[in-house]
């Protein structure tokens, strides 16, 4: 069973999630979201597996999201355009992302992590 943990190391939510994984003995591959940004292919797979709407993959509280006025632009963009935009910069992507088999979690909620 391989678990992929995609994070930004300075993100407090990521730090909490990582601590939870370690305390619960979960082995995972750690990936820096900016140095190794998710690809269009990965994002498409993760969005499908997560069952979440595409907007949930955007880091809506991030500085870049606000600077680019994405709140207003997203509603006029196709899924393809949104995914391509996400793949350009890890700071646009909500984190952490936990990928295990056919499950994908975005953000950190302890109850959801316990289920996995």
PDB file of N, CA and C in Angstrom:
ATOM      1  N   UNK A   1       0.853  -1.180   0.000  1.00  0.00           N
ATOM      2  CA  UNK A   1       0.000   0.000   0.000  1.00  0.00           C
ATOM      3  C   UNK A   1       0.889   1.231   0.000  1.00  0.00           C
ATOM      4  N   UNK A   2       0.791   2.014  -1.066  1.00  0.00           N
ATOM      5  CA  UNK A   2       1.629   3.203  -1.073  1.00  0.00           C
ATOM      6  C   UNK A   2       0.757   4.436  -0.892  1.00  0.00           C
ATOM      7  N   UNK A   3       1.252   5.336  -0.073  1.00  0.00           N
ATOM      8  CA  UNK A   3       0.549   6.575   0.210  1.00  0.00           C
ATOM      9  C   UNK A   3       1.435   7.729  -0.258  1.00  0.00           C
ATOM     10  N   UNK A   4       0.838   8.625  -1.031  1.00  0.00           N
ATOM     11  CA  UNK A   4       1.548   9.804  -1.488  1.00  0.00           C
ATOM     12  C   UNK A   4       1.014  11.000  -0.708  1.00  0.00           C
ATOM     13  N   UNK A   5       1.927  11.740  -0.103  1.00  0.00           N
ATOM     14  CA  UNK A   5       1.564  12.925   0.675  1.00  0.00           C
ATOM     15  C   UNK A   5       2.185  14.133  -0.014  1.00  0.00           C
ATOM     16  N   UNK A   6       1.321  14.960  -0.615  1.00  0.00           N
ATOM     17  CA  UNK A   6       1.789  16.126  -1.350  1.00  0.00           C
ATOM     18  C   UNK A   6       1.586  17.346  -0.457  1.00  0.00           C
ATOM     19  N   UNK A   7       2.684  18.051  -0.169  1.00  0.00           N
ATOM     20  CA  UNK A   7       2.600  19.123   0.817  1.00  0.00           C
ATOM     21  C   UNK A   7       3.502  20.295   0.477  1.00  0.00           C
ATOM     22  N   UNK A   8       3.252  21.388   1.186  1.00  0.00           N
ATOM     23  CA  UNK A   8       4.156  22.538   1.202  1.00  0.00           C
ATOM     24  C   UNK A   8       4.666  22.587   2.637  1.00  0.00           C
ATOM     25  N   UNK A   9       5.976  22.343   2.854  1.00  0.00           N
ATOM     26  CA  UNK A   9       6.505  22.163   4.207  1.00  0.00           C
ATOM     27  C   UNK A   9       6.222  23.292   5.201  1.00  0.00           C
ATOM     28  N   UNK A  10       6.019  24.522   4.723  1.00  0.00           N
ATOM     29  CA  UNK A  10       5.769  25.623   5.650  1.00  0.00           C
ATOM     30  C   UNK A  10       4.288  25.771   6.006  1.00  0.00           C
ATOM     31  N   UNK A  11       3.441  25.008   5.364  1.00  0.00           N
ATOM     32  CA  UNK A  11       1.995  25.084   5.586  1.00  0.00           C
ATOM     33  C   UNK A  11       1.643  24.407   6.915  1.00  0.00           C
ATOM     34  N   UNK A  12       0.966  25.143   7.801  1.00  0.00           N
ATOM     35  CA  UNK A  12       0.663  24.587   9.137  1.00  0.00           C
ATOM     36  C   UNK A  12      -0.280  23.389   9.058  1.00  0.00           C
ATOM     37  N   UNK A  13      -1.222  23.419   8.124  1.00  0.00           N
ATOM     38  CA  UNK A  13      -2.132  22.285   7.959  1.00  0.00           C
ATOM     39  C   UNK A  13      -1.359  21.044   7.518  1.00  0.00           C
ATOM     40  N   UNK A  14      -0.396  21.238   6.615  1.00  0.00           N
ATOM     41  CA  UNK A  14       0.435  20.123   6.147  1.00  0.00           C
ATOM     42  C   UNK A  14       1.249  19.542   7.302  1.00  0.00           C
ATOM     43  N   UNK A  15       1.771  20.426   8.148  1.00  0.00           N
ATOM     44  CA  UNK A  15       2.568  19.975   9.291  1.00  0.00           C
ATOM     45  C   UNK A  15       1.714  19.108  10.219  1.00  0.00           C
ATOM     46  N   UNK A  16       0.481  19.545  10.477  1.00  0.00           N
ATOM     47  CA  UNK A  16      -0.441  18.764  11.333  1.00  0.00           C
ATOM     48  C   UNK A  16      -0.737  17.404  10.710  1.00  0.00           C
ATOM     49  N   UNK A  17      -1.019  17.408   9.411  1.00  0.00           N
ATOM     50  CA  UNK A  17      -1.356  16.170   8.709  1.00  0.00           C
ATOM     51  C   UNK A  17      -0.186  15.193   8.730  1.00  0.00           C
ATOM     52  N   UNK A  18       1.007  15.706   8.482  1.00  0.00           N
ATOM     53  CA  UNK A  18       2.209  14.872   8.464  1.00  0.00           C
ATOM     54  C   UNK A  18       2.459  14.266   9.844  1.00  0.00           C
ATOM     55  N   UNK A  19       2.280  15.083  10.879  1.00  0.00           N
ATOM     56  CA  UNK A  19       2.448  14.623  12.254  1.00  0.00           C
ATOM     57  C   UNK A  19       1.457  13.484  12.544  1.00  0.00           C
ATOM     58  N   UNK A  20       0.213  13.657  12.091  1.00  0.00           N
ATOM     59  CA  UNK A  20      -0.810  12.626  12.273  1.00  0.00           C
ATOM     60  C   UNK A  20      -0.384  11.317  11.609  1.00  0.00           C
ATOM     61  N   UNK A  21       0.106  11.409  10.369  1.00  0.00           N
ATOM     62  CA  UNK A  21       0.536  10.210   9.644  1.00  0.00           C
ATOM     63  C   UNK A  21       1.664   9.499  10.393  1.00  0.00           C
ATOM     64  N   UNK A  22       2.649  10.284  10.845  1.00  0.00           N
ATOM     65  CA  UNK A  22       3.788   9.693  11.563  1.00  0.00           C
ATOM     66  C   UNK A  22       3.352   9.063  12.885  1.00  0.00           C
ATOM     67  N   UNK A  23       2.510   9.764  13.637  1.00  0.00           N
ATOM     68  CA  UNK A  23       2.046   9.241  14.933  1.00  0.00           C
ATOM     69  C   UNK A  23       1.234   7.965  14.775  1.00  0.00           C
ATOM     70  N   UNK A  24       0.609   7.802  13.612  1.00  0.00           N
ATOM     71  CA  UNK A  24      -0.207   6.620  13.373  1.00  0.00           C
ATOM     72  C   UNK A  24       0.522   5.567  12.540  1.00  0.00           C
ATOM     73  N   UNK A  25       1.827   5.727  12.406  1.00  0.00           N
ATOM     74  CA  UNK A  25       2.652   4.718  11.744  1.00  0.00           C
ATOM     75  C   UNK A  25       2.364   4.514  10.271  1.00  0.00           C
ATOM     76  N   UNK A  26       1.881   5.550   9.621  1.00  0.00           N
ATOM     77  CA  UNK A  26       1.587   5.435   8.191  1.00  0.00           C
ATOM     78  C   UNK A  26       2.853   5.753   7.398  1.00  0.00           C
ATOM     79  N   UNK A  27       3.260   4.812   6.553  1.00  0.00           N
ATOM     80  CA  UNK A  27       4.411   5.054   5.694  1.00  0.00           C
ATOM     81  C   UNK A  27       3.917   5.809   4.463  1.00  0.00           C
ATOM     82  N   UNK A  28       4.644   6.835   4.088  1.00  0.00           N
ATOM     83  CA  UNK A  28       4.207   7.624   2.941  1.00  0.00           C
ATOM     84  C   UNK A  28       5.390   8.201   2.192  1.00  0.00           C
ATOM     85  N   UNK A  29       5.130   8.501   0.931  1.00  0.00           N
ATOM     86  CA  UNK A  29       6.116   9.200   0.109  1.00  0.00           C
ATOM     87  C   UNK A  29       5.783  10.678   0.231  1.00  0.00           C
ATOM     88  N   UNK A  30       6.771  11.448   0.612  1.00  0.00           N
ATOM     89  CA  UNK A  30       6.591  12.883   0.839  1.00  0.00           C
ATOM     90  C   UNK A  30       6.980  13.646  -0.420  1.00  0.00           C
ATOM     91  N   UNK A  31       6.133  14.554  -0.853  1.00  0.00           N
ATOM     92  CA  UNK A  31       6.424  15.292  -2.081  1.00  0.00           C
ATOM     93  C   UNK A  31       6.147  16.787  -1.884  1.00  0.00           C
ATOM     94  N   UNK A  32       7.128  17.599  -2.219  1.00  0.00           N
ATOM     95  CA  UNK A  32       7.039  19.057  -2.103  1.00  0.00           C
ATOM     96  C   UNK A  32       6.234  19.585  -3.289  1.00  0.00           C
ATOM     97  N   UNK A  33       5.116  20.246  -3.005  1.00  0.00           N
ATOM     98  CA  UNK A  33       4.176  20.642  -4.055  1.00  0.00           C
ATOM     99  C   UNK A  33       4.717  21.715  -5.007  1.00  0.00           C
ATOM    100  N   UNK A  34       5.682  22.507  -4.543  1.00  0.00           N
ATOM    101  CA  UNK A  34       6.228  23.549  -5.416  1.00  0.00           C
ATOM    102  C   UNK A  34       7.387  23.007  -6.247  1.00  0.00           C
ATOM    103  N   UNK A  35       8.273  22.238  -5.602  1.00  0.00           N
ATOM    104  CA  UNK A  35       9.418  21.672  -6.323  1.00  0.00           C
ATOM    105  C   UNK A  35       8.987  20.591  -7.296  1.00  0.00           C
ATOM    106  N   UNK A  36       7.893  19.903  -6.966  1.00  0.00           N
ATOM    107  CA  UNK A  36       7.414  18.812  -7.809  1.00  0.00           C
ATOM    108  C   UNK A  36       5.903  18.970  -7.961  1.00  0.00           C
ATOM    109  N   UNK A  37       5.523  19.973  -8.743  1.00  0.00           N
ATOM    110  CA  UNK A  37       4.115  20.318  -8.910  1.00  0.00           C
ATOM    111  C   UNK A  37       3.345  19.184  -9.581  1.00  0.00           C
ATOM    112  N   UNK A  38       2.094  18.952  -9.150  1.00  0.00           N
ATOM    113  CA  UNK A  38       1.284  17.917  -9.805  1.00  0.00           C
ATOM    114  C   UNK A  38       1.117  18.209 -11.299  1.00  0.00           C
ATOM    115  N   UNK A  39       1.124  17.158 -12.094  1.00  0.00           N
ATOM    116  CA  UNK A  39       0.956  17.298 -13.547  1.00  0.00           C
ATOM    117  C   UNK A  39      -0.532  17.345 -13.888  1.00  0.00           C
ATOM    118  N   UNK A  40      -0.833  17.717 -15.119  1.00  0.00           N
ATOM    119  CA  UNK A  40      -2.216  17.735 -15.598  1.00  0.00           C
ATOM    120  C   UNK A  40      -2.828  16.340 -15.439  1.00  0.00           C
ATOM    121  N   UNK A  41      -2.045  15.301 -15.800  1.00  0.00           N
ATOM    122  CA  UNK A  41      -2.551  13.925 -15.717  1.00  0.00           C
ATOM    123  C   UNK A  41      -2.873  13.552 -14.270  1.00  0.00           C
ATOM    124  N   UNK A  42      -1.949  13.863 -13.363  1.00  0.00           N
ATOM    125  CA  UNK A  42      -2.175  13.548 -11.948  1.00  0.00           C
ATOM    126  C   UNK A  42      -3.399  14.280 -11.422  1.00  0.00           C
ATOM    127  N   UNK A  43      -3.475  15.562 -11.717  1.00  0.00           N
ATOM    128  CA  UNK A  43      -4.602  16.359 -11.228  1.00  0.00           C
ATOM    129  C   UNK A  43      -5.929  15.813 -11.731  1.00  0.00           C
ATOM    130  N   UNK A  44      -5.991  15.452 -13.012  1.00  0.00           N
ATOM    131  CA  UNK A  44      -7.228  14.885 -13.556  1.00  0.00           C
ATOM    132  C   UNK A  44      -7.621  13.609 -12.825  1.00  0.00           C
ATOM    133  N   UNK A  45      -6.634  12.741 -12.574  1.00  0.00           N
ATOM    134  CA  UNK A  45      -6.909  11.491 -11.848  1.00  0.00           C
ATOM    135  C   UNK A  45      -7.378  11.783 -10.424  1.00  0.00           C
ATOM    136  N   UNK A  46      -6.676  12.679  -9.750  1.00  0.00           N
ATOM    137  CA  UNK A  46      -6.999  12.988  -8.353  1.00  0.00           C
ATOM    138  C   UNK A  46      -8.380  13.614  -8.218  1.00  0.00           C
ATOM    139  N   UNK A  47      -8.719  14.513  -9.146  1.00  0.00           N
ATOM    140  CA  UNK A  47     -10.026  15.168  -9.101  1.00  0.00           C
ATOM    141  C   UNK A  47     -11.115  14.113  -9.264  1.00  0.00           C
ATOM    142  N   UNK A  48     -10.920  13.211 -10.230  1.00  0.00           N
ATOM    143  CA  UNK A  48     -11.910  12.150 -10.460  1.00  0.00           C
ATOM    144  C   UNK A  48     -12.042  11.242  -9.238  1.00  0.00           C
ATOM    145  N   UNK A  49     -10.914  10.826  -8.670  1.00  0.00           N
ATOM    146  CA  UNK A  49     -10.938   9.903  -7.531  1.00  0.00           C
ATOM    147  C   UNK A  49     -11.472  10.552  -6.261  1.00  0.00           C
ATOM    148  N   UNK A  50     -11.272  11.860  -6.120  1.00  0.00           N
ATOM    149  CA  UNK A  50     -11.661  12.536  -4.883  1.00  0.00           C
ATOM    150  C   UNK A  50     -13.172  12.696  -4.770  1.00  0.00           C
ATOM    151  N   UNK A  51     -13.842  12.765  -5.917  1.00  0.00           N
ATOM    152  CA  UNK A  51     -15.282  13.008  -5.898  1.00  0.00           C
ATOM    153  C   UNK A  51     -15.613  14.461  -5.550  1.00  0.00           C
ATOM    154  N   UNK A  52     -14.595  15.296  -5.462  1.00  0.00           N
ATOM    155  CA  UNK A  52     -14.798  16.704  -5.109  1.00  0.00           C
ATOM    156  C   UNK A  52     -14.943  17.551  -6.363  1.00  0.00           C
ATOM    157  N   UNK A  53     -15.591  18.702  -6.199  1.00  0.00           N
ATOM    158  CA  UNK A  53     -15.656  19.610  -7.346  1.00  0.00           C
ATOM    159  C   UNK A  53     -14.263  20.213  -7.548  1.00  0.00           C
ATOM    160  N   UNK A  54     -14.005  20.590  -8.768  1.00  0.00           N
ATOM    161  CA  UNK A  54     -12.695  21.105  -9.168  1.00  0.00           C
ATOM    162  C   UNK A  54     -12.233  22.270  -8.294  1.00  0.00           C
ATOM    163  N   UNK A  55     -13.144  23.150  -7.927  1.00  0.00           N
ATOM    164  CA  UNK A  55     -12.794  24.341  -7.137  1.00  0.00           C
ATOM    165  C   UNK A  55     -12.108  23.957  -5.822  1.00  0.00           C
ATOM    166  N   UNK A  56     -12.423  22.791  -5.287  1.00  0.00           N
ATOM    167  CA  UNK A  56     -11.833  22.347  -4.014  1.00  0.00           C
ATOM    168  C   UNK A  56     -10.327  22.108  -4.129  1.00  0.00           C
ATOM    169  N   UNK A  57      -9.830  22.020  -5.339  1.00  0.00           N
ATOM    170  CA  UNK A  57      -8.392  21.791  -5.537  1.00  0.00           C
ATOM    171  C   UNK A  57      -7.605  23.103  -5.594  1.00  0.00           C
ATOM    172  N   UNK A  58      -8.315  24.216  -5.583  1.00  0.00           N
ATOM    173  CA  UNK A  58      -7.633  25.508  -5.588  1.00  0.00           C
ATOM    174  C   UNK A  58      -7.376  25.986  -4.164  1.00  0.00           C
ATOM    175  N   UNK A  59      -6.197  26.530  -3.951  1.00  0.00           N
ATOM    176  CA  UNK A  59      -5.832  27.120  -2.664  1.00  0.00           C
ATOM    177  C   UNK A  59      -6.444  28.522  -2.632  1.00  0.00           C
ATOM    178  N   UNK A  60      -7.735  28.589  -2.269  1.00  0.00           N
ATOM    179  CA  UNK A  60      -8.479  29.845  -2.359  1.00  0.00           C
ATOM    180  C   UNK A  60      -8.012  30.896  -1.353  1.00  0.00           C
ATOM    181  N   UNK A  61      -7.279  30.473  -0.330  1.00  0.00           N
ATOM    182  CA  UNK A  61      -6.786  31.460   0.635  1.00  0.00           C
ATOM    183  C   UNK A  61      -5.365  31.921   0.298  1.00  0.00           C
ATOM    184  N   UNK A  62      -4.825  31.393  -0.790  1.00  0.00           N
ATOM    185  CA  UNK A  62      -3.450  31.729  -1.169  1.00  0.00           C
ATOM    186  C   UNK A  62      -3.328  33.103  -1.818  1.00  0.00           C
ATOM    187  N   UNK A  63      -2.171  33.680  -1.648  1.00  0.00           N
ATOM    188  CA  UNK A  63      -1.868  35.009  -2.180  1.00  0.00           C
ATOM    189  C   UNK A  63      -1.977  35.026  -3.712  1.00  0.00           C
ATOM    190  N   UNK A  64      -1.438  34.005  -4.356  1.00  0.00           N
ATOM    191  CA  UNK A  64      -1.439  33.936  -5.813  1.00  0.00           C
ATOM    192  C   UNK A  64      -2.864  33.855  -6.364  1.00  0.00           C
ATOM    193  N   UNK A  65      -3.693  33.057  -5.726  1.00  0.00           N
ATOM    194  CA  UNK A  65      -5.105  32.907  -6.121  1.00  0.00           C
ATOM    195  C   UNK A  65      -5.783  34.276  -6.118  1.00  0.00           C
ATOM    196  N   UNK A  66      -5.520  35.028  -5.053  1.00  0.00           N
ATOM    197  CA  UNK A  66      -6.141  36.355  -4.922  1.00  0.00           C
ATOM    198  C   UNK A  66      -5.563  37.346  -5.934  1.00  0.00           C
ATOM    199  N   UNK A  67      -4.235  37.315  -6.119  1.00  0.00           N
ATOM    200  CA  UNK A  67      -3.594  38.222  -7.066  1.00  0.00           C
ATOM    201  C   UNK A  67      -4.100  38.005  -8.492  1.00  0.00           C
ATOM    202  N   UNK A  68      -4.403  36.755  -8.815  1.00  0.00           N
ATOM    203  CA  UNK A  68      -4.854  36.433 -10.175  1.00  0.00           C
ATOM    204  C   UNK A  68      -6.361  36.604 -10.348  1.00  0.00           C
ATOM    205  N   UNK A  69      -7.049  37.043  -9.288  1.00  0.00           N
ATOM    206  CA  UNK A  69      -8.517  37.215  -9.328  1.00  0.00           C
ATOM    207  C   UNK A  69      -9.234  35.945  -9.773  1.00  0.00           C
ATOM    208  N   UNK A  70      -8.764  34.810  -9.312  1.00  0.00           N
ATOM    209  CA  UNK A  70      -9.333  33.543  -9.793  1.00  0.00           C
ATOM    210  C   UNK A  70     -10.762  33.316  -9.321  1.00  0.00           C
ATOM    211  N   UNK A  71     -11.128  33.924  -8.218  1.00  0.00           N
ATOM    212  CA  UNK A  71     -12.499  33.766  -7.718  1.00  0.00           C
ATOM    213  C   UNK A  71     -13.495  34.119  -8.826  1.00  0.00           C
ATOM    214  N   UNK A  72     -13.206  35.195  -9.548  1.00  0.00           N
ATOM    215  CA  UNK A  72     -14.106  35.636 -10.619  1.00  0.00           C
ATOM    216  C   UNK A  72     -13.870  34.891 -11.930  1.00  0.00           C
ATOM    217  N   UNK A  73     -12.625  34.499 -12.170  1.00  0.00           N
ATOM    218  CA  UNK A  73     -12.289  33.888 -13.458  1.00  0.00           C
ATOM    219  C   UNK A  73     -12.689  32.416 -13.558  1.00  0.00           C
ATOM    220  N   UNK A  74     -12.639  31.683 -12.432  1.00  0.00           N
ATOM    221  CA  UNK A  74     -12.858  30.232 -12.488  1.00  0.00           C
ATOM    222  C   UNK A  74     -14.190  29.836 -13.102  1.00  0.00           C
ATOM    223  N   UNK A  75     -15.238  30.587 -12.800  1.00  0.00           N
ATOM    224  CA  UNK A  75     -16.560  30.179 -13.282  1.00  0.00           C
ATOM    225  C   UNK A  75     -16.678  30.204 -14.805  1.00  0.00           C
ATOM    226  N   UNK A  76     -15.789  30.955 -15.455  1.00  0.00           N
ATOM    227  CA  UNK A  76     -15.824  31.024 -16.928  1.00  0.00           C
ATOM    228  C   UNK A  76     -14.797  30.106 -17.587  1.00  0.00           C
ATOM    229  N   UNK A  77     -14.054  29.372 -16.757  1.00  0.00           N
ATOM    230  CA  UNK A  77     -13.008  28.504 -17.305  1.00  0.00           C
ATOM    231  C   UNK A  77     -13.498  27.062 -17.412  1.00  0.00           C
ATOM    232  N   UNK A  78     -13.005  26.351 -18.433  1.00  0.00           N
ATOM    233  CA  UNK A  78     -13.347  24.938 -18.576  1.00  0.00           C
ATOM    234  C   UNK A  78     -12.518  24.137 -17.572  1.00  0.00           C
ATOM    235  N   UNK A  79     -12.902  22.894 -17.363  1.00  0.00           N
ATOM    236  CA  UNK A  79     -12.127  22.024 -16.471  1.00  0.00           C
ATOM    237  C   UNK A  79     -10.690  21.936 -16.962  1.00  0.00           C
ATOM    238  N   UNK A  80     -10.543  21.760 -18.268  1.00  0.00           N
ATOM    239  CA  UNK A  80      -9.210  21.629 -18.861  1.00  0.00           C
ATOM    240  C   UNK A  80      -8.347  22.856 -18.561  1.00  0.00           C
ATOM    241  N   UNK A  81      -8.921  24.033 -18.710  1.00  0.00           N
ATOM    242  CA  UNK A  81      -8.185  25.274 -18.436  1.00  0.00           C
ATOM    243  C   UNK A  81      -7.811  25.364 -16.960  1.00  0.00           C
ATOM    244  N   UNK A  82      -8.734  24.985 -16.087  1.00  0.00           N
ATOM    245  CA  UNK A  82      -8.476  25.024 -14.641  1.00  0.00           C
ATOM    246  C   UNK A  82      -7.347  24.071 -14.264  1.00  0.00           C
ATOM    247  N   UNK A  83      -7.397  22.862 -14.801  1.00  0.00           N
ATOM    248  CA  UNK A  83      -6.382  21.856 -14.474  1.00  0.00           C
ATOM    249  C   UNK A  83      -5.017  22.298 -15.009  1.00  0.00           C
ATOM    250  N   UNK A  84      -4.999  22.856 -16.215  1.00  0.00           N
ATOM    251  CA  UNK A  84      -3.731  23.337 -16.768  1.00  0.00           C
ATOM    252  C   UNK A  84      -3.161  24.468 -15.919  1.00  0.00           C
ATOM    253  N   UNK A  85      -4.028  25.333 -15.415  1.00  0.00           N
ATOM    254  CA  UNK A  85      -3.590  26.431 -14.552  1.00  0.00           C
ATOM    255  C   UNK A  85      -3.023  25.877 -13.242  1.00  0.00           C
ATOM    256  N   UNK A  86      -3.713  24.923 -12.638  1.00  0.00           N
ATOM    257  CA  UNK A  86      -3.230  24.305 -11.397  1.00  0.00           C
ATOM    258  C   UNK A  86      -1.855  23.672 -11.599  1.00  0.00           C
ATOM    259  N   UNK A  87      -1.644  23.079 -12.759  1.00  0.00           N
ATOM    260  CA  UNK A  87      -0.389  22.386 -13.034  1.00  0.00           C
ATOM    261  C   UNK A  87       0.778  23.353 -13.244  1.00  0.00           C
ATOM    262  N   UNK A  88       0.494  24.652 -13.368  1.00  0.00           N
ATOM    263  CA  UNK A  88       1.576  25.612 -13.600  1.00  0.00           C
ATOM    264  C   UNK A  88       2.275  26.036 -12.316  1.00  0.00           C
ATOM    265  N   UNK A  89       1.576  25.946 -11.173  1.00  0.00           N
ATOM    266  CA  UNK A  89       2.166  26.455  -9.941  1.00  0.00           C
ATOM    267  C   UNK A  89       1.572  25.756  -8.718  1.00  0.00           C
ATOM    268  N   UNK A  90       2.434  25.079  -7.965  1.00  0.00           N
ATOM    269  CA  UNK A  90       1.988  24.351  -6.776  1.00  0.00           C
ATOM    270  C   UNK A  90       1.322  25.231  -5.733  1.00  0.00           C
ATOM    271  N   UNK A  91       1.632  26.520  -5.739  1.00  0.00           N
ATOM    272  CA  UNK A  91       1.032  27.418  -4.745  1.00  0.00           C
ATOM    273  C   UNK A  91      -0.451  27.665  -5.021  1.00  0.00           C
ATOM    274  N   UNK A  92      -0.921  27.311  -6.207  1.00  0.00           N
ATOM    275  CA  UNK A  92      -2.345  27.451  -6.517  1.00  0.00           C
ATOM    276  C   UNK A  92      -3.156  26.260  -6.011  1.00  0.00           C
ATOM    277  N   UNK A  93      -2.467  25.171  -5.695  1.00  0.00           N
ATOM    278  CA  UNK A  93      -3.139  23.918  -5.345  1.00  0.00           C
ATOM    279  C   UNK A  93      -3.362  23.830  -3.838  1.00  0.00           C
ATOM    280  N   UNK A  94      -4.586  23.467  -3.466  1.00  0.00           N
ATOM    281  CA  UNK A  94      -4.889  23.280  -2.048  1.00  0.00           C
ATOM    282  C   UNK A  94      -4.104  22.085  -1.536  1.00  0.00           C
ATOM    283  N   UNK A  95      -3.635  22.183  -0.321  1.00  0.00           N
ATOM    284  CA  UNK A  95      -2.805  21.129   0.239  1.00  0.00           C
ATOM    285  C   UNK A  95      -3.136  20.930   1.702  1.00  0.00           C
ATOM    286  N   UNK A  96      -2.714  19.867   2.289  1.00  0.00           N
ATOM    287  CA  UNK A  96      -2.027  18.733   1.664  1.00  0.00           C
ATOM    288  C   UNK A  96      -2.996  17.899   0.820  1.00  0.00           C
ATOM    289  N   UNK A  97      -2.408  17.089  -0.038  1.00  0.00           N
ATOM    290  CA  UNK A  97      -3.184  16.106  -0.803  1.00  0.00           C
ATOM    291  C   UNK A  97      -2.653  14.739  -0.405  1.00  0.00           C
ATOM    292  N   UNK A  98      -3.559  13.869  -0.031  1.00  0.00           N
ATOM    293  CA  UNK A  98      -3.187  12.506   0.338  1.00  0.00           C
ATOM    294  C   UNK A  98      -3.779  11.568  -0.700  1.00  0.00           C
ATOM    295  N   UNK A  99      -2.922  10.767  -1.321  1.00  0.00           N
ATOM    296  CA  UNK A  99      -3.369   9.856  -2.373  1.00  0.00           C
ATOM    297  C   UNK A  99      -3.045   8.435  -1.944  1.00  0.00           C
ATOM    298  N   UNK A 100      -4.086   7.611  -1.843  1.00  0.00           N
ATOM    299  CA  UNK A 100      -3.883   6.209  -1.497  1.00  0.00           C
ATOM    300  C   UNK A 100      -4.828   5.374  -2.353  1.00  0.00           C
ATOM    301  N   UNK A 101      -4.258   4.558  -3.207  1.00  0.00           N
ATOM    302  CA  UNK A 101      -5.049   3.710  -4.104  1.00  0.00           C
ATOM    303  C   UNK A 101      -6.074   4.555  -4.853  1.00  0.00           C
ATOM    304  N   UNK A 102      -7.358   4.287  -4.616  1.00  0.00           N
ATOM    305  CA  UNK A 102      -8.388   5.028  -5.352  1.00  0.00           C
ATOM    306  C   UNK A 102      -9.008   6.145  -4.518  1.00  0.00           C
ATOM    307  N   UNK A 103      -8.350   6.508  -3.411  1.00  0.00           N
ATOM    308  CA  UNK A 103      -8.868   7.584  -2.569  1.00  0.00           C
ATOM    309  C   UNK A 103      -7.935   8.794  -2.622  1.00  0.00           C
ATOM    310  N   UNK A 104      -8.543   9.974  -2.641  1.00  0.00           N
ATOM    311  CA  UNK A 104      -7.775  11.217  -2.633  1.00  0.00           C
ATOM    312  C   UNK A 104      -8.427  12.176  -1.645  1.00  0.00           C
ATOM    313  N   UNK A 105      -7.632  12.659  -0.700  1.00  0.00           N
ATOM    314  CA  UNK A 105      -8.119  13.646   0.263  1.00  0.00           C
ATOM    315  C   UNK A 105      -7.401  14.961   0.028  1.00  0.00           C
ATOM    316  N   UNK A 106      -8.154  16.042   0.104  1.00  0.00           N
ATOM    317  CA  UNK A 106      -7.581  17.372  -0.063  1.00  0.00           C
ATOM    318  C   UNK A 106      -7.800  18.131   1.243  1.00  0.00           C
ATOM    319  N   UNK A 107      -6.737  18.754   1.750  1.00  0.00           N
ATOM    320  CA  UNK A 107      -6.832  19.401   3.053  1.00  0.00           C
ATOM    321  C   UNK A 107      -6.619  18.349   4.135  1.00  0.00           C
ATOM    322  N   UNK A 108      -6.813  18.724   5.385  1.00  0.00           N
ATOM    323  CA  UNK A 108      -6.613  17.764   6.464  1.00  0.00           C
ATOM    324  C   UNK A 108      -7.783  17.784   7.427  1.00  0.00           C
ATOM    325  N   UNK A 109      -8.506  16.665   7.461  1.00  0.00           N
ATOM    326  CA  UNK A 109      -9.536  16.447   8.463  1.00  0.00           C
ATOM    327  C   UNK A 109      -9.202  15.107   9.099  1.00  0.00           C
ATOM    328  N   UNK A 110      -8.949  15.132  10.399  1.00  0.00           N
ATOM    329  CA  UNK A 110      -8.473  13.939  11.087  1.00  0.00           C
ATOM    330  C   UNK A 110      -9.401  12.738  10.872  1.00  0.00           C
ATOM    331  N   UNK A 111     -10.718  12.970  10.885  1.00  0.00           N
ATOM    332  CA  UNK A 111     -11.667  11.849  10.702  1.00  0.00           C
ATOM    333  C   UNK A 111     -11.448  11.163   9.362  1.00  0.00           C
ATOM    334  N   UNK A 112     -11.244  11.958   8.312  1.00  0.00           N
ATOM    335  CA  UNK A 112     -11.040  11.389   6.973  1.00  0.00           C
ATOM    336  C   UNK A 112      -9.722  10.615   6.924  1.00  0.00           C
ATOM    337  N   UNK A 113      -8.702  11.138   7.547  1.00  0.00           N
ATOM    338  CA  UNK A 113      -7.408  10.466   7.553  1.00  0.00           C
ATOM    339  C   UNK A 113      -7.511   9.141   8.311  1.00  0.00           C
ATOM    340  N   UNK A 114      -8.295   9.117   9.380  1.00  0.00           N
ATOM    341  CA  UNK A 114      -8.461   7.872  10.147  1.00  0.00           C
ATOM    342  C   UNK A 114      -9.099   6.802   9.292  1.00  0.00           C
ATOM    343  N   UNK A 115     -10.048   7.170   8.453  1.00  0.00           N
ATOM    344  CA  UNK A 115     -10.727   6.202   7.586  1.00  0.00           C
ATOM    345  C   UNK A 115      -9.748   5.541   6.626  1.00  0.00           C
ATOM    346  N   UNK A 116      -8.803   6.314   6.152  1.00  0.00           N
ATOM    347  CA  UNK A 116      -7.827   5.764   5.196  1.00  0.00           C
ATOM    348  C   UNK A 116      -6.791   4.969   5.978  1.00  0.00           C
TER     349      UNK A 116
END
